[in-house]
Amino acid sequence: MPRWFMEIKAINHELVELDLQSIHDRHADFLGINPFGKLPALIDSDVLLEDGSPLKLFESGSIRLHLAETHSCGLMCMIRSLQS
């Protein structure tokens, strides 16, 4: 769902496909983004935390809310786009 939202809103992004069945793709780098080792996950390098690291989100709801607030007209716009 976040991928669909980014494509509809023409948000520039890099899609990285992972094979979560493979132990190779569950390495520390990915677990640093999502400690549960699941998809989806998002790194937004345009939003920096106090320590200078980029914002890392997981769970599709939190990712969609973040995208709606930062790349759209906000939560109500996201709700309207999901209803149509």
PDB file of N, CA and C in Angstrom:
ATOM      1  N   MET A   1       0.800  -1.206   0.000  1.00  0.00           N
ATOM      2  CA  MET A   1       0.000   0.000   0.000  1.00  0.00           C
ATOM      3  C   MET A   1       0.848   1.278   0.000  1.00  0.00           C
ATOM      4  N   PRO A   2       1.931   1.384   0.809  1.00  0.00           N
ATOM      5  CA  PRO A   2       2.753   2.593   0.718  1.00  0.00           C
ATOM      6  C   PRO A   2       3.350   2.784  -0.669  1.00  0.00           C
ATOM      7  N   ARG A   3       3.736   1.699  -1.333  1.00  0.00           N
ATOM      8  CA  ARG A   3       4.310   1.812  -2.677  1.00  0.00           C
ATOM      9  C   ARG A   3       3.280   2.421  -3.636  1.00  0.00           C
ATOM     10  N   TRP A   4       2.042   1.954  -3.552  1.00  0.00           N
ATOM     11  CA  TRP A   4       0.961   2.477  -4.380  1.00  0.00           C
ATOM     12  C   TRP A   4       0.789   3.973  -4.127  1.00  0.00           C
ATOM     13  N   PHE A   5       0.769   4.378  -2.868  1.00  0.00           N
ATOM     14  CA  PHE A   5       0.585   5.778  -2.516  1.00  0.00           C
ATOM     15  C   PHE A   5       1.720   6.627  -3.085  1.00  0.00           C
ATOM     16  N   MET A   6       2.963   6.136  -3.004  1.00  0.00           N
ATOM     17  CA  MET A   6       4.099   6.883  -3.541  1.00  0.00           C
ATOM     18  C   MET A   6       4.009   7.001  -5.058  1.00  0.00           C
ATOM     19  N   GLU A   7       3.543   5.971  -5.714  1.00  0.00           N
ATOM     20  CA  GLU A   7       3.407   6.037  -7.167  1.00  0.00           C
ATOM     21  C   GLU A   7       2.291   6.990  -7.570  1.00  0.00           C
ATOM     22  N   ILE A   8       1.152   6.952  -6.895  1.00  0.00           N
ATOM     23  CA  ILE A   8       0.029   7.852  -7.196  1.00  0.00           C
ATOM     24  C   ILE A   8       0.429   9.310  -7.005  1.00  0.00           C
ATOM     25  N   LYS A   9       1.174   9.594  -5.948  1.00  0.00           N
ATOM     26  CA  LYS A   9       1.585  10.966  -5.628  1.00  0.00           C
ATOM     27  C   LYS A   9       2.892  11.360  -6.305  1.00  0.00           C
ATOM     28  N   ALA A  10       3.462  10.466  -7.127  1.00  0.00           N
ATOM     29  CA  ALA A  10       4.722  10.718  -7.840  1.00  0.00           C
ATOM     30  C   ALA A  10       5.847  11.115  -6.882  1.00  0.00           C
ATOM     31  N   ILE A  11       5.946  10.409  -5.774  1.00  0.00           N
ATOM     32  CA  ILE A  11       6.996  10.644  -4.794  1.00  0.00           C
ATOM     33  C   ILE A  11       8.241   9.865  -5.245  1.00  0.00           C
ATOM     34  N   ASN A  12       9.340  10.572  -5.407  1.00  0.00           N
ATOM     35  CA  ASN A  12      10.586   9.939  -5.815  1.00  0.00           C
ATOM     36  C   ASN A  12      11.019   8.939  -4.738  1.00  0.00           C
ATOM     37  N   HIS A  13      11.270   7.697  -5.145  1.00  0.00           N
ATOM     38  CA  HIS A  13      11.675   6.669  -4.176  1.00  0.00           C
ATOM     39  C   HIS A  13      12.508   5.597  -4.857  1.00  0.00           C
ATOM     40  N   GLU A  14      13.230   4.882  -4.042  1.00  0.00           N
ATOM     41  CA  GLU A  14      14.002   3.736  -4.521  1.00  0.00           C
ATOM     42  C   GLU A  14      13.395   2.487  -3.904  1.00  0.00           C
ATOM     43  N   LEU A  15      12.980   1.575  -4.753  1.00  0.00           N
ATOM     44  CA  LEU A  15      12.402   0.316  -4.298  1.00  0.00           C
ATOM     45  C   LEU A  15      13.513  -0.714  -4.178  1.00  0.00           C
ATOM     46  N   VAL A  16      13.640  -1.301  -3.004  1.00  0.00           N
ATOM     47  CA  VAL A  16      14.625  -2.355  -2.769  1.00  0.00           C
ATOM     48  C   VAL A  16      13.840  -3.618  -2.456  1.00  0.00           C
ATOM     49  N   GLU A  17      13.943  -4.591  -3.331  1.00  0.00           N
ATOM     50  CA  GLU A  17      13.218  -5.841  -3.132  1.00  0.00           C
ATOM     51  C   GLU A  17      14.062  -6.801  -2.303  1.00  0.00           C
ATOM     52  N   LEU A  18      13.429  -7.436  -1.342  1.00  0.00           N
ATOM     53  CA  LEU A  18      14.101  -8.374  -0.452  1.00  0.00           C
ATOM     54  C   LEU A  18      13.426  -9.727  -0.508  1.00  0.00           C
ATOM     55  N   ASP A  19      14.195 -10.754  -0.292  1.00  0.00           N
ATOM     56  CA  ASP A  19      13.664 -12.107  -0.138  1.00  0.00           C
ATOM     57  C   ASP A  19      13.722 -12.424   1.353  1.00  0.00           C
ATOM     58  N   LEU A  20      12.604 -12.226   2.032  1.00  0.00           N
ATOM     59  CA  LEU A  20      12.600 -12.423   3.477  1.00  0.00           C
ATOM     60  C   LEU A  20      12.641 -13.891   3.886  1.00  0.00           C
ATOM     61  N   GLN A  21      12.528 -14.794   2.915  1.00  0.00           N
ATOM     62  CA  GLN A  21      12.707 -16.211   3.210  1.00  0.00           C
ATOM     63  C   GLN A  21      14.190 -16.536   3.349  1.00  0.00           C
ATOM     64  N   SER A  22      15.018 -15.682   2.755  1.00  0.00           N
ATOM     65  CA  SER A  22      16.458 -15.895   2.782  1.00  0.00           C
ATOM     66  C   SER A  22      17.044 -15.252   4.033  1.00  0.00           C
ATOM     67  N   ILE A  23      17.863 -15.970   4.742  1.00  0.00           N
ATOM     68  CA  ILE A  23      18.516 -15.424   5.938  1.00  0.00           C
ATOM     69  C   ILE A  23      19.461 -14.284   5.555  1.00  0.00           C
ATOM     70  N   HIS A  24      19.938 -14.295   4.308  1.00  0.00           N
ATOM     71  CA  HIS A  24      20.853 -13.260   3.832  1.00  0.00           C
ATOM     72  C   HIS A  24      20.206 -11.868   3.889  1.00  0.00           C
ATOM     73  N   ASP A  25      18.926 -11.774   3.542  1.00  0.00           N
ATOM     74  CA  ASP A  25      18.254 -10.470   3.529  1.00  0.00           C
ATOM     75  C   ASP A  25      17.786 -10.024   4.913  1.00  0.00           C
ATOM     76  N   ARG A  26      17.946 -10.840   5.906  1.00  0.00           N
ATOM     77  CA  ARG A  26      17.582 -10.440   7.269  1.00  0.00           C
ATOM     78  C   ARG A  26      18.823 -10.025   8.056  1.00  0.00           C
ATOM     79  N   HIS A  27      19.734  -9.339   7.377  1.00  0.00           N
ATOM     80  CA  HIS A  27      20.969  -8.925   8.024  1.00  0.00           C
ATOM     81  C   HIS A  27      20.748  -7.679   8.872  1.00  0.00           C
ATOM     82  N   ALA A  28      21.767  -7.286   9.575  1.00  0.00           N
ATOM     83  CA  ALA A  28      21.663  -6.203  10.559  1.00  0.00           C
ATOM     84  C   ALA A  28      21.216  -4.881   9.942  1.00  0.00           C
ATOM     85  N   ASP A  29      21.606  -4.606   8.691  1.00  0.00           N
ATOM     86  CA  ASP A  29      21.195  -3.340   8.063  1.00  0.00           C
ATOM     87  C   ASP A  29      19.679  -3.235   7.984  1.00  0.00           C
ATOM     88  N   PHE A  30      19.027  -4.305   7.521  1.00  0.00           N
ATOM     89  CA  PHE A  30      17.572  -4.264   7.415  1.00  0.00           C
ATOM     90  C   PHE A  30      16.916  -4.293   8.791  1.00  0.00           C
ATOM     91  N   LEU A  31      17.448  -5.081   9.700  1.00  0.00           N
ATOM     92  CA  LEU A  31      16.878  -5.129  11.045  1.00  0.00           C
ATOM     93  C   LEU A  31      17.037  -3.793  11.771  1.00  0.00           C
ATOM     94  N   GLY A  32      17.975  -2.963  11.322  1.00  0.00           N
ATOM     95  CA  GLY A  32      18.110  -1.612  11.866  1.00  0.00           C
ATOM     96  C   GLY A  32      16.982  -0.697  11.420  1.00  0.00           C
ATOM     97  N   ILE A  33      16.330  -1.045  10.318  1.00  0.00           N
ATOM     98  CA  ILE A  33      15.179  -0.277   9.832  1.00  0.00           C
ATOM     99  C   ILE A  33      13.902  -0.825  10.462  1.00  0.00           C
ATOM    100  N   ASN A  34      13.741  -2.132  10.399  1.00  0.00           N
ATOM    101  CA  ASN A  34      12.579  -2.787  11.003  1.00  0.00           C
ATOM    102  C   ASN A  34      13.062  -3.942  11.864  1.00  0.00           C
ATOM    103  N   PRO A  35      13.077  -3.760  13.176  1.00  0.00           N
ATOM    104  CA  PRO A  35      13.614  -4.791  14.068  1.00  0.00           C
ATOM    105  C   PRO A  35      12.837  -6.107  14.022  1.00  0.00           C
ATOM    106  N   PHE A  36      11.637  -6.094  13.450  1.00  0.00           N
ATOM    107  CA  PHE A  36      10.850  -7.320  13.328  1.00  0.00           C
ATOM    108  C   PHE A  36      11.167  -8.074  12.040  1.00  0.00           C
ATOM    109  N   GLY A  37      11.959  -7.457  11.145  1.00  0.00           N
ATOM    110  CA  GLY A  37      12.365  -8.102   9.904  1.00  0.00           C
ATOM    111  C   GLY A  37      11.237  -8.303   8.913  1.00  0.00           C
ATOM    112  N   LYS A  38      10.242  -7.419   8.947  1.00  0.00           N
ATOM    113  CA  LYS A  38       9.088  -7.550   8.046  1.00  0.00           C
ATOM    114  C   LYS A  38       8.994  -6.339   7.131  1.00  0.00           C
ATOM    115  N   LEU A  39       8.131  -6.452   6.142  1.00  0.00           N
ATOM    116  CA  LEU A  39       7.900  -5.360   5.191  1.00  0.00           C
ATOM    117  C   LEU A  39       6.507  -4.791   5.399  1.00  0.00           C
ATOM    118  N   PRO A  40       6.268  -3.554   5.060  1.00  0.00           N
ATOM    119  CA  PRO A  40       7.156  -2.599   4.416  1.00  0.00           C
ATOM    120  C   PRO A  40       8.020  -1.856   5.423  1.00  0.00           C
ATOM    121  N   ALA A  41       9.010  -1.178   4.906  1.00  0.00           N
ATOM    122  CA  ALA A  41       9.881  -0.325   5.704  1.00  0.00           C
ATOM    123  C   ALA A  41      10.263   0.874   4.840  1.00  0.00           C
ATOM    124  N   LEU A  42      10.540   1.992   5.486  1.00  0.00           N
ATOM    125  CA  LEU A  42      10.844   3.219   4.759  1.00  0.00           C
ATOM    126  C   LEU A  42      11.943   3.987   5.484  1.00  0.00           C
ATOM    127  N   ILE A  43      12.886   4.508   4.719  1.00  0.00           N
ATOM    128  CA  ILE A  43      13.873   5.456   5.236  1.00  0.00           C
ATOM    129  C   ILE A  43      13.616   6.766   4.514  1.00  0.00           C
ATOM    130  N   ASP A  44      13.365   7.829   5.271  1.00  0.00           N
ATOM    131  CA  ASP A  44      13.163   9.157   4.680  1.00  0.00           C
ATOM    132  C   ASP A  44      14.354  10.028   5.051  1.00  0.00           C
ATOM    133  N   SER A  45      15.293  10.160   4.123  1.00  0.00           N
ATOM    134  CA  SER A  45      16.506  10.934   4.393  1.00  0.00           C
ATOM    135  C   SER A  45      16.258  12.444   4.369  1.00  0.00           C
ATOM    136  N   ASP A  46      15.053  12.864   3.984  1.00  0.00           N
ATOM    137  CA  ASP A  46      14.705  14.285   4.036  1.00  0.00           C
ATOM    138  C   ASP A  46      14.299  14.719   5.443  1.00  0.00           C
ATOM    139  N   VAL A  47      14.013  13.749   6.305  1.00  0.00           N
ATOM    140  CA  VAL A  47      13.637  14.041   7.692  1.00  0.00           C
ATOM    141  C   VAL A  47      14.718  13.457   8.585  1.00  0.00           C
ATOM    142  N   LEU A  48      15.439  14.347   9.283  1.00  0.00           N
ATOM    143  CA  LEU A  48      16.534  13.905  10.142  1.00  0.00           C
ATOM    144  C   LEU A  48      16.131  13.975  11.603  1.00  0.00           C
ATOM    145  N   LEU A  49      16.565  12.975  12.350  1.00  0.00           N
ATOM    146  CA  LEU A  49      16.324  12.940  13.784  1.00  0.00           C
ATOM    147  C   LEU A  49      17.366  13.806  14.493  1.00  0.00           C
ATOM    148  N   GLU A  50      17.226  13.963  15.803  1.00  0.00           N
ATOM    149  CA  GLU A  50      18.136  14.817  16.562  1.00  0.00           C
ATOM    150  C   GLU A  50      19.589  14.390  16.433  1.00  0.00           C
ATOM    151  N   ASP A  51      19.832  13.084  16.279  1.00  0.00           N
ATOM    152  CA  ASP A  51      21.210  12.594  16.148  1.00  0.00           C
ATOM    153  C   ASP A  51      21.730  12.666  14.712  1.00  0.00           C
ATOM    154  N   GLY A  52      20.925  13.221  13.796  1.00  0.00           N
ATOM    155  CA  GLY A  52      21.333  13.373  12.409  1.00  0.00           C
ATOM    156  C   GLY A  52      21.021  12.187  11.519  1.00  0.00           C
ATOM    157  N   SER A  53      20.460  11.134  12.094  1.00  0.00           N
ATOM    158  CA  SER A  53      20.115   9.952  11.297  1.00  0.00           C
ATOM    159  C   SER A  53      18.764  10.154  10.618  1.00  0.00           C
ATOM    160  N   PRO A  54      18.551   9.490   9.472  1.00  0.00           N
ATOM    161  CA  PRO A  54      17.269   9.650   8.768  1.00  0.00           C
ATOM    162  C   PRO A  54      16.129   8.950   9.506  1.00  0.00           C
ATOM    163  N   LEU A  55      14.923   9.425   9.254  1.00  0.00           N
ATOM    164  CA  LEU A  55      13.727   8.819   9.834  1.00  0.00           C
ATOM    165  C   LEU A  55      13.531   7.429   9.257  1.00  0.00           C
ATOM    166  N   LYS A  56      13.311   6.441  10.107  1.00  0.00           N
ATOM    167  CA  LYS A  56      13.056   5.064   9.679  1.00  0.00           C
ATOM    168  C   LYS A  56      11.689   4.656  10.198  1.00  0.00           C
ATOM    169  N   LEU A  57      10.840   4.189   9.289  1.00  0.00           N
ATOM    170  CA  LEU A  57       9.485   3.781   9.656  1.00  0.00           C
ATOM    171  C   LEU A  57       9.204   2.376   9.156  1.00  0.00           C
ATOM    172  N   PHE A  58       8.346   1.679   9.884  1.00  0.00           N
ATOM    173  CA  PHE A  58       7.820   0.408   9.417  1.00  0.00           C
ATOM    174  C   PHE A  58       6.354   0.359   9.799  1.00  0.00           C
ATOM    175  N   GLU A  59       5.639  -0.605   9.286  1.00  0.00           N
ATOM    176  CA  GLU A  59       4.188  -0.717   9.394  1.00  0.00           C
ATOM    177  C   GLU A  59       3.556   0.241   8.379  1.00  0.00           C
ATOM    178  N   SER A  60       2.740  -0.306   7.514  1.00  0.00           N
ATOM    179  CA  SER A  60       2.195   0.464   6.397  1.00  0.00           C
ATOM    180  C   SER A  60       1.376   1.668   6.846  1.00  0.00           C
ATOM    181  N   GLY A  61       0.649   1.567   7.940  1.00  0.00           N
ATOM    182  CA  GLY A  61      -0.160   2.697   8.407  1.00  0.00           C
ATOM    183  C   GLY A  61       0.690   3.897   8.767  1.00  0.00           C
ATOM    184  N   SER A  62       1.767   3.681   9.509  1.00  0.00           N
ATOM    185  CA  SER A  62       2.630   4.809   9.894  1.00  0.00           C
ATOM    186  C   SER A  62       3.357   5.380   8.680  1.00  0.00           C
ATOM    187  N   ILE A  63       3.727   4.516   7.732  1.00  0.00           N
ATOM    188  CA  ILE A  63       4.386   4.995   6.520  1.00  0.00           C
ATOM    189  C   ILE A  63       3.425   5.847   5.696  1.00  0.00           C
ATOM    190  N   ARG A  64       2.195   5.376   5.493  1.00  0.00           N
ATOM    191  CA  ARG A  64       1.214   6.145   4.714  1.00  0.00           C
ATOM    192  C   ARG A  64       0.889   7.474   5.378  1.00  0.00           C
ATOM    193  N   LEU A  65       0.741   7.480   6.684  1.00  0.00           N
ATOM    194  CA  LEU A  65       0.453   8.730   7.391  1.00  0.00           C
ATOM    195  C   LEU A  65       1.605   9.715   7.210  1.00  0.00           C
ATOM    196  N   HIS A  66       2.828   9.251   7.353  1.00  0.00           N
ATOM    197  CA  HIS A  66       3.997  10.113   7.157  1.00  0.00           C
ATOM    198  C   HIS A  66       4.026  10.670   5.735  1.00  0.00           C
ATOM    199  N   LEU A  67       3.809   9.800   4.752  1.00  0.00           N
ATOM    200  CA  LEU A  67       3.814  10.253   3.356  1.00  0.00           C
ATOM    201  C   LEU A  67       2.714  11.268   3.089  1.00  0.00           C
ATOM    202  N   ALA A  68       1.535  11.041   3.647  1.00  0.00           N
ATOM    203  CA  ALA A  68       0.420  11.980   3.453  1.00  0.00           C
ATOM    204  C   ALA A  68       0.726  13.331   4.081  1.00  0.00           C
ATOM    205  N   GLU A  69       1.365  13.320   5.237  1.00  0.00           N
ATOM    206  CA  GLU A  69       1.658  14.581   5.921  1.00  0.00           C
ATOM    207  C   GLU A  69       2.810  15.340   5.276  1.00  0.00           C
ATOM    208  N   THR A  70       3.749  14.637   4.664  1.00  0.00           N
ATOM    209  CA  THR A  70       4.925  15.310   4.127  1.00  0.00           C
ATOM    210  C   THR A  70       4.875  15.527   2.611  1.00  0.00           C
ATOM    211  N   HIS A  71       4.041  14.786   1.897  1.00  0.00           N
ATOM    212  CA  HIS A  71       4.029  14.883   0.436  1.00  0.00           C
ATOM    213  C   HIS A  71       2.641  15.117  -0.129  1.00  0.00           C
ATOM    214  N   SER A  72       1.735  15.576   0.679  1.00  0.00           N
ATOM    215  CA  SER A  72       0.360  15.684   0.220  1.00  0.00           C
ATOM    216  C   SER A  72      -0.323  16.783   0.998  1.00  0.00           C
ATOM    217  N   CYS A  73      -1.616  16.756   0.997  1.00  0.00           N
ATOM    218  CA  CYS A  73      -2.378  17.770   1.729  1.00  0.00           C
ATOM    219  C   CYS A  73      -2.747  17.286   3.129  1.00  0.00           C
ATOM    220  N   GLY A  74      -2.148  16.207   3.598  1.00  0.00           N
ATOM    221  CA  GLY A  74      -2.371  15.753   4.953  1.00  0.00           C
ATOM    222  C   GLY A  74      -3.259  14.533   5.042  1.00  0.00           C
ATOM    223  N   LEU A  75      -3.653  14.237   6.248  1.00  0.00           N
ATOM    224  CA  LEU A  75      -4.405  13.019   6.537  1.00  0.00           C
ATOM    225  C   LEU A  75      -5.727  12.960   5.783  1.00  0.00           C
ATOM    226  N   MET A  76      -6.465  14.050   5.720  1.00  0.00           N
ATOM    227  CA  MET A  76      -7.765  14.019   5.044  1.00  0.00           C
ATOM    228  C   MET A  76      -7.607  13.720   3.560  1.00  0.00           C
ATOM    229  N   CYS A  77      -6.543  14.221   2.949  1.00  0.00           N
ATOM    230  CA  CYS A  77      -6.294  13.926   1.538  1.00  0.00           C
ATOM    231  C   CYS A  77      -6.033  12.437   1.360  1.00  0.00           C
ATOM    232  N   MET A  78      -5.257  11.833   2.277  1.00  0.00           N
ATOM    233  CA  MET A  78      -4.983  10.408   2.192  1.00  0.00           C
ATOM    234  C   MET A  78      -6.277   9.610   2.337  1.00  0.00           C
ATOM    235  N   ILE A  79      -7.131  10.004   3.256  1.00  0.00           N
ATOM    236  CA  ILE A  79      -8.396   9.289   3.459  1.00  0.00           C
ATOM    237  C   ILE A  79      -9.255   9.384   2.214  1.00  0.00           C
ATOM    238  N   ARG A  80      -9.332  10.564   1.613  1.00  0.00           N
ATOM    239  CA  ARG A  80     -10.124  10.719   0.388  1.00  0.00           C
ATOM    240  C   ARG A  80      -9.559   9.874  -0.749  1.00  0.00           C
ATOM    241  N   SER A  81      -8.222   9.802  -0.867  1.00  0.00           N
ATOM    242  CA  SER A  81      -7.628   9.020  -1.955  1.00  0.00           C
ATOM    243  C   SER A  81      -7.879   7.531  -1.742  1.00  0.00           C
ATOM    244  N   LEU A  82      -7.935   7.077  -0.511  1.00  0.00           N
ATOM    245  CA  LEU A  82      -8.207   5.665  -0.240  1.00  0.00           C
ATOM    246  C   LEU A  82      -9.674   5.326  -0.485  1.00  0.00           C
ATOM    247  N   GLN A  83     -10.565   6.304  -0.311  1.00  0.00           N
ATOM    248  CA  GLN A  83     -11.986   6.063  -0.510  1.00  0.00           C
ATOM    249  C   GLN A  83     -12.369   6.031  -1.983  1.00  0.00           C
ATOM    250  N   SER A  84     -11.576   6.681  -2.837  1.00  0.00           N
ATOM    251  CA  SER A  84     -11.926   6.727  -4.260  1.00  0.00           C
ATOM    252  C   SER A  84     -11.419   5.524  -5.018  1.00  0.00           C
TER     253      SER A  84
END
